[in-house]
Amino acid sequence: MRDGRIAAILVSFDEWEIRTKRSANLAEFFAESPLPGSDLVVERPSDVPRFVD
């Protein structure tokens, strides 16, 4: 315990894999995003050049 609260929990590796498994990949995440129909406008300043090494 730390500051009166549980600080760590021990679980099996199999249990950790089950509980932390991702349900979708990044492409599916963006495909399911509600933002395409939200009329969100993201603009990048055009007056400042970007320097790339």
PDB file of N, CA and C in Angstrom:
ATOM      1  N   MET A   1       0.839  -1.184   0.000  1.00  0.00           N
ATOM      2  CA  MET A   1       0.000   0.000   0.000  1.00  0.00           C
ATOM      3  C   MET A   1       0.882   1.245   0.000  1.00  0.00           C
ATOM      4  N   ARG A   2       0.375   2.259  -0.648  1.00  0.00           N
ATOM      5  CA  ARG A   2       1.065   3.547  -0.688  1.00  0.00           C
ATOM      6  C   ARG A   2       0.019   4.631  -0.468  1.00  0.00           C
ATOM      7  N   ASP A   3       0.238   5.446   0.515  1.00  0.00           N
ATOM      8  CA  ASP A   3      -0.716   6.506   0.884  1.00  0.00           C
ATOM      9  C   ASP A   3      -2.102   5.938   1.176  1.00  0.00           C
ATOM     10  N   GLY A   4      -2.133   4.733   1.769  1.00  0.00           N
ATOM     11  CA  GLY A   4      -3.403   4.126   2.132  1.00  0.00           C
ATOM     12  C   GLY A   4      -4.163   3.499   0.987  1.00  0.00           C
ATOM     13  N   ARG A   5      -3.551   3.429  -0.207  1.00  0.00           N
ATOM     14  CA  ARG A   5      -4.223   2.858  -1.377  1.00  0.00           C
ATOM     15  C   ARG A   5      -3.398   1.709  -1.926  1.00  0.00           C
ATOM     16  N   ILE A   6      -4.059   0.782  -2.616  1.00  0.00           N
ATOM     17  CA  ILE A   6      -3.352  -0.329  -3.246  1.00  0.00           C
ATOM     18  C   ILE A   6      -2.439   0.228  -4.336  1.00  0.00           C
ATOM     19  N   ALA A   7      -1.163  -0.186  -4.329  1.00  0.00           N
ATOM     20  CA  ALA A   7      -0.196   0.354  -5.289  1.00  0.00           C
ATOM     21  C   ALA A   7       0.104  -0.624  -6.423  1.00  0.00           C
ATOM     22  N   ALA A   8      -0.161  -1.908  -6.228  1.00  0.00           N
ATOM     23  CA  ALA A   8       0.144  -2.887  -7.266  1.00  0.00           C
ATOM     24  C   ALA A   8      -0.754  -4.108  -7.101  1.00  0.00           C
ATOM     25  N   ILE A   9      -0.980  -4.799  -8.210  1.00  0.00           N
ATOM     26  CA  ILE A   9      -1.756  -6.026  -8.209  1.00  0.00           C
ATOM     27  C   ILE A   9      -1.006  -7.028  -9.071  1.00  0.00           C
ATOM     28  N   LEU A  10      -0.906  -8.240  -8.603  1.00  0.00           N
ATOM     29  CA  LEU A  10      -0.222  -9.300  -9.332  1.00  0.00           C
ATOM     30  C   LEU A  10      -1.252 -10.151 -10.064  1.00  0.00           C
ATOM     31  N   VAL A  11      -1.111 -10.247 -11.398  1.00  0.00           N
ATOM     32  CA  VAL A  11      -1.997 -11.095 -12.210  1.00  0.00           C
ATOM     33  C   VAL A  11      -1.143 -11.969 -13.104  1.00  0.00           C
ATOM     34  N   SER A  12      -1.720 -13.061 -13.566  1.00  0.00           N
ATOM     35  CA  SER A  12      -0.983 -13.947 -14.468  1.00  0.00           C
ATOM     36  C   SER A  12      -0.806 -13.259 -15.824  1.00  0.00           C
ATOM     37  N   PHE A  13       0.175 -13.723 -16.579  1.00  0.00           N
ATOM     38  CA  PHE A  13       0.430 -13.160 -17.901  1.00  0.00           C
ATOM     39  C   PHE A  13      -0.779 -13.360 -18.806  1.00  0.00           C
ATOM     40  N   ASP A  14      -1.410 -14.533 -18.732  1.00  0.00           N
ATOM     41  CA  ASP A  14      -2.593 -14.805 -19.563  1.00  0.00           C
ATOM     42  C   ASP A  14      -3.726 -13.826 -19.249  1.00  0.00           C
ATOM     43  N   GLU A  15      -3.955 -13.572 -17.967  1.00  0.00           N
ATOM     44  CA  GLU A  15      -4.991 -12.619 -17.571  1.00  0.00           C
ATOM     45  C   GLU A  15      -4.648 -11.216 -18.077  1.00  0.00           C
ATOM     46  N   TRP A  16      -3.388 -10.809 -17.986  1.00  0.00           N
ATOM     47  CA  TRP A  16      -2.960  -9.491 -18.466  1.00  0.00           C
ATOM     48  C   TRP A  16      -3.213  -9.358 -19.968  1.00  0.00           C
ATOM     49  N   GLU A  17      -2.889 -10.401 -20.733  1.00  0.00           N
ATOM     50  CA  GLU A  17      -3.119 -10.365 -22.181  1.00  0.00           C
ATOM     51  C   GLU A  17      -4.598 -10.212 -22.509  1.00  0.00           C
ATOM     52  N   ILE A  18      -5.442 -10.943 -21.791  1.00  0.00           N
ATOM     53  CA  ILE A  18      -6.881 -10.867 -22.033  1.00  0.00           C
ATOM     54  C   ILE A  18      -7.399  -9.461 -21.744  1.00  0.00           C
ATOM     55  N   ARG A  19      -6.976  -8.879 -20.650  1.00  0.00           N
ATOM     56  CA  ARG A  19      -7.505  -7.578 -20.222  1.00  0.00           C
ATOM     57  C   ARG A  19      -6.912  -6.395 -20.979  1.00  0.00           C
ATOM     58  N   THR A  20      -5.751  -6.560 -21.607  1.00  0.00           N
ATOM     59  CA  THR A  20      -5.124  -5.428 -22.304  1.00  0.00           C
ATOM     60  C   THR A  20      -5.153  -5.574 -23.819  1.00  0.00           C
ATOM     61  N   LYS A  21      -5.808  -6.616 -24.319  1.00  0.00           N
ATOM     62  CA  LYS A  21      -5.861  -6.837 -25.769  1.00  0.00           C
ATOM     63  C   LYS A  21      -6.645  -5.721 -26.447  1.00  0.00           C
ATOM     64  N   ARG A  22      -6.114  -5.223 -27.532  1.00  0.00           N
ATOM     65  CA  ARG A  22      -6.792  -4.179 -28.293  1.00  0.00           C
ATOM     66  C   ARG A  22      -7.918  -4.804 -29.100  1.00  0.00           C
ATOM     67  N   SER A  23      -9.009  -4.085 -29.185  1.00  0.00           N
ATOM     68  CA  SER A  23     -10.153  -4.608 -29.920  1.00  0.00           C
ATOM     69  C   SER A  23     -10.092  -4.254 -31.405  1.00  0.00           C
ATOM     70  N   ALA A  24      -9.273  -3.285 -31.791  1.00  0.00           N
ATOM     71  CA  ALA A  24      -9.189  -2.882 -33.194  1.00  0.00           C
ATOM     72  C   ALA A  24      -7.800  -2.314 -33.469  1.00  0.00           C
ATOM     73  N   ASN A  25      -7.468  -2.239 -34.758  1.00  0.00           N
ATOM     74  CA  ASN A  25      -6.194  -1.626 -35.112  1.00  0.00           C
ATOM     75  C   ASN A  25      -6.396  -0.130 -35.362  1.00  0.00           C
ATOM     76  N   LEU A  26      -5.334   0.583 -35.650  1.00  0.00           N
ATOM     77  CA  LEU A  26      -5.407   2.039 -35.790  1.00  0.00           C
ATOM     78  C   LEU A  26      -6.314   2.455 -36.951  1.00  0.00           C
ATOM     79  N   ALA A  27      -6.261   1.749 -38.067  1.00  0.00           N
ATOM     80  CA  ALA A  27      -7.112   2.088 -39.215  1.00  0.00           C
ATOM     81  C   ALA A  27      -8.590   1.938 -38.858  1.00  0.00           C
ATOM     82  N   GLU A  28      -8.936   0.883 -38.129  1.00  0.00           N
ATOM     83  CA  GLU A  28     -10.322   0.689 -37.704  1.00  0.00           C
ATOM     84  C   GLU A  28     -10.753   1.771 -36.716  1.00  0.00           C
ATOM     85  N   PHE A  29      -9.837   2.168 -35.844  1.00  0.00           N
ATOM     86  CA  PHE A  29     -10.131   3.232 -34.891  1.00  0.00           C
ATOM     87  C   PHE A  29     -10.517   4.519 -35.620  1.00  0.00           C
ATOM     88  N   PHE A  30      -9.724   4.910 -36.628  1.00  0.00           N
ATOM     89  CA  PHE A  30     -10.028   6.129 -37.371  1.00  0.00           C
ATOM     90  C   PHE A  30     -11.287   5.967 -38.217  1.00  0.00           C
ATOM     91  N   ALA A  31     -11.510   4.778 -38.763  1.00  0.00           N
ATOM     92  CA  ALA A  31     -12.703   4.542 -39.578  1.00  0.00           C
ATOM     93  C   ALA A  31     -13.978   4.668 -38.751  1.00  0.00           C
ATOM     94  N   GLU A  32     -13.920   4.308 -37.476  1.00  0.00           N
ATOM     95  CA  GLU A  32     -15.086   4.375 -36.594  1.00  0.00           C
ATOM     96  C   GLU A  32     -15.225   5.729 -35.903  1.00  0.00           C
ATOM     97  N   SER A  33     -14.315   6.652 -36.154  1.00  0.00           N
ATOM     98  CA  SER A  33     -14.332   7.955 -35.501  1.00  0.00           C
ATOM     99  C   SER A  33     -15.560   8.762 -35.919  1.00  0.00           C
ATOM    100  N   PRO A  34     -16.180   9.473 -34.986  1.00  0.00           N
ATOM    101  CA  PRO A  34     -17.318  10.322 -35.330  1.00  0.00           C
ATOM    102  C   PRO A  34     -16.892  11.653 -35.949  1.00  0.00           C
ATOM    103  N   LEU A  35     -15.606  11.933 -36.050  1.00  0.00           N
ATOM    104  CA  LEU A  35     -15.140  13.239 -36.531  1.00  0.00           C
ATOM    105  C   LEU A  35     -15.406  13.526 -38.006  1.00  0.00           C
ATOM    106  N   PRO A  36     -15.402  12.558 -38.938  1.00  0.00           N
ATOM    107  CA  PRO A  36     -15.635  12.919 -40.335  1.00  0.00           C
ATOM    108  C   PRO A  36     -16.934  13.683 -40.588  1.00  0.00           C
ATOM    109  N   GLY A  37     -17.978  13.432 -39.847  1.00  0.00           N
ATOM    110  CA  GLY A  37     -19.237  14.141 -40.045  1.00  0.00           C
ATOM    111  C   GLY A  37     -19.417  15.327 -39.126  1.00  0.00           C
ATOM    112  N   SER A  38     -18.393  15.690 -38.378  1.00  0.00           N
ATOM    113  CA  SER A  38     -18.535  16.753 -37.383  1.00  0.00           C
ATOM    114  C   SER A  38     -18.171  18.137 -37.905  1.00  0.00           C
ATOM    115  N   ASP A  39     -17.757  18.243 -39.154  1.00  0.00           N
ATOM    116  CA  ASP A  39     -17.340  19.520 -39.752  1.00  0.00           C
ATOM    117  C   ASP A  39     -16.168  20.153 -39.015  1.00  0.00           C
ATOM    118  N   LEU A  40     -15.338  19.344 -38.387  1.00  0.00           N
ATOM    119  CA  LEU A  40     -14.142  19.831 -37.715  1.00  0.00           C
ATOM    120  C   LEU A  40     -13.141  20.299 -38.765  1.00  0.00           C
ATOM    121  N   VAL A  41     -12.624  21.502 -38.609  1.00  0.00           N
ATOM    122  CA  VAL A  41     -11.649  22.056 -39.541  1.00  0.00           C
ATOM    123  C   VAL A  41     -10.314  22.183 -38.815  1.00  0.00           C
ATOM    124  N   VAL A  42      -9.315  21.498 -39.340  1.00  0.00           N
ATOM    125  CA  VAL A  42      -7.976  21.560 -38.760  1.00  0.00           C
ATOM    126  C   VAL A  42      -7.096  22.266 -39.771  1.00  0.00           C
ATOM    127  N   GLU A  43      -6.524  23.377 -39.388  1.00  0.00           N
ATOM    128  CA  GLU A  43      -5.690  24.159 -40.294  1.00  0.00           C
ATOM    129  C   GLU A  43      -4.278  24.235 -39.753  1.00  0.00           C
ATOM    130  N   ARG A  44      -3.338  24.222 -40.671  1.00  0.00           N
ATOM    131  CA  ARG A  44      -1.943  24.368 -40.314  1.00  0.00           C
ATOM    132  C   ARG A  44      -1.478  25.737 -40.792  1.00  0.00           C
ATOM    133  N   PRO A  45      -0.780  26.488 -39.946  1.00  0.00           N
ATOM    134  CA  PRO A  45      -0.320  27.818 -40.366  1.00  0.00           C
ATOM    135  C   PRO A  45       0.556  27.701 -41.622  1.00  0.00           C
ATOM    136  N   SER A  46       0.264  28.524 -42.614  1.00  0.00           N
ATOM    137  CA  SER A  46       1.050  28.478 -43.857  1.00  0.00           C
ATOM    138  C   SER A  46       2.135  29.546 -43.883  1.00  0.00           C
ATOM    139  N   ASP A  47       2.167  30.430 -42.892  1.00  0.00           N
ATOM    140  CA  ASP A  47       3.138  31.519 -42.888  1.00  0.00           C
ATOM    141  C   ASP A  47       4.470  31.129 -42.247  1.00  0.00           C
ATOM    142  N   VAL A  48       4.530  29.980 -41.581  1.00  0.00           N
ATOM    143  CA  VAL A  48       5.762  29.564 -40.925  1.00  0.00           C
ATOM    144  C   VAL A  48       6.339  28.349 -41.649  1.00  0.00           C
ATOM    145  N   PRO A  49       7.549  28.478 -42.207  1.00  0.00           N
ATOM    146  CA  PRO A  49       8.123  27.326 -42.912  1.00  0.00           C
ATOM    147  C   PRO A  49       8.557  26.236 -41.933  1.00  0.00           C
ATOM    148  N   ARG A  50       8.502  25.018 -42.403  1.00  0.00           N
ATOM    149  CA  ARG A  50       8.978  23.890 -41.592  1.00  0.00           C
ATOM    150  C   ARG A  50      10.394  23.551 -42.057  1.00  0.00           C
ATOM    151  N   PHE A  51      11.279  23.349 -41.110  1.00  0.00           N
ATOM    152  CA  PHE A  51      12.661  22.967 -41.428  1.00  0.00           C
ATOM    153  C   PHE A  51      12.805  21.485 -41.132  1.00  0.00           C
ATOM    154  N   VAL A  52      13.312  20.761 -42.117  1.00  0.00           N
ATOM    155  CA  VAL A  52      13.494  19.327 -41.977  1.00  0.00           C
ATOM    156  C   VAL A  52      14.965  19.021 -42.228  1.00  0.00           C
ATOM    157  N   ASP A  53      15.559  18.275 -41.311  1.00  0.00           N
ATOM    158  CA  ASP A  53      16.966  17.885 -41.496  1.00  0.00           C
ATOM    159  C   ASP A  53      17.092  16.720 -42.447  1.00  0.00           C
TER     160      ASP A  53
END
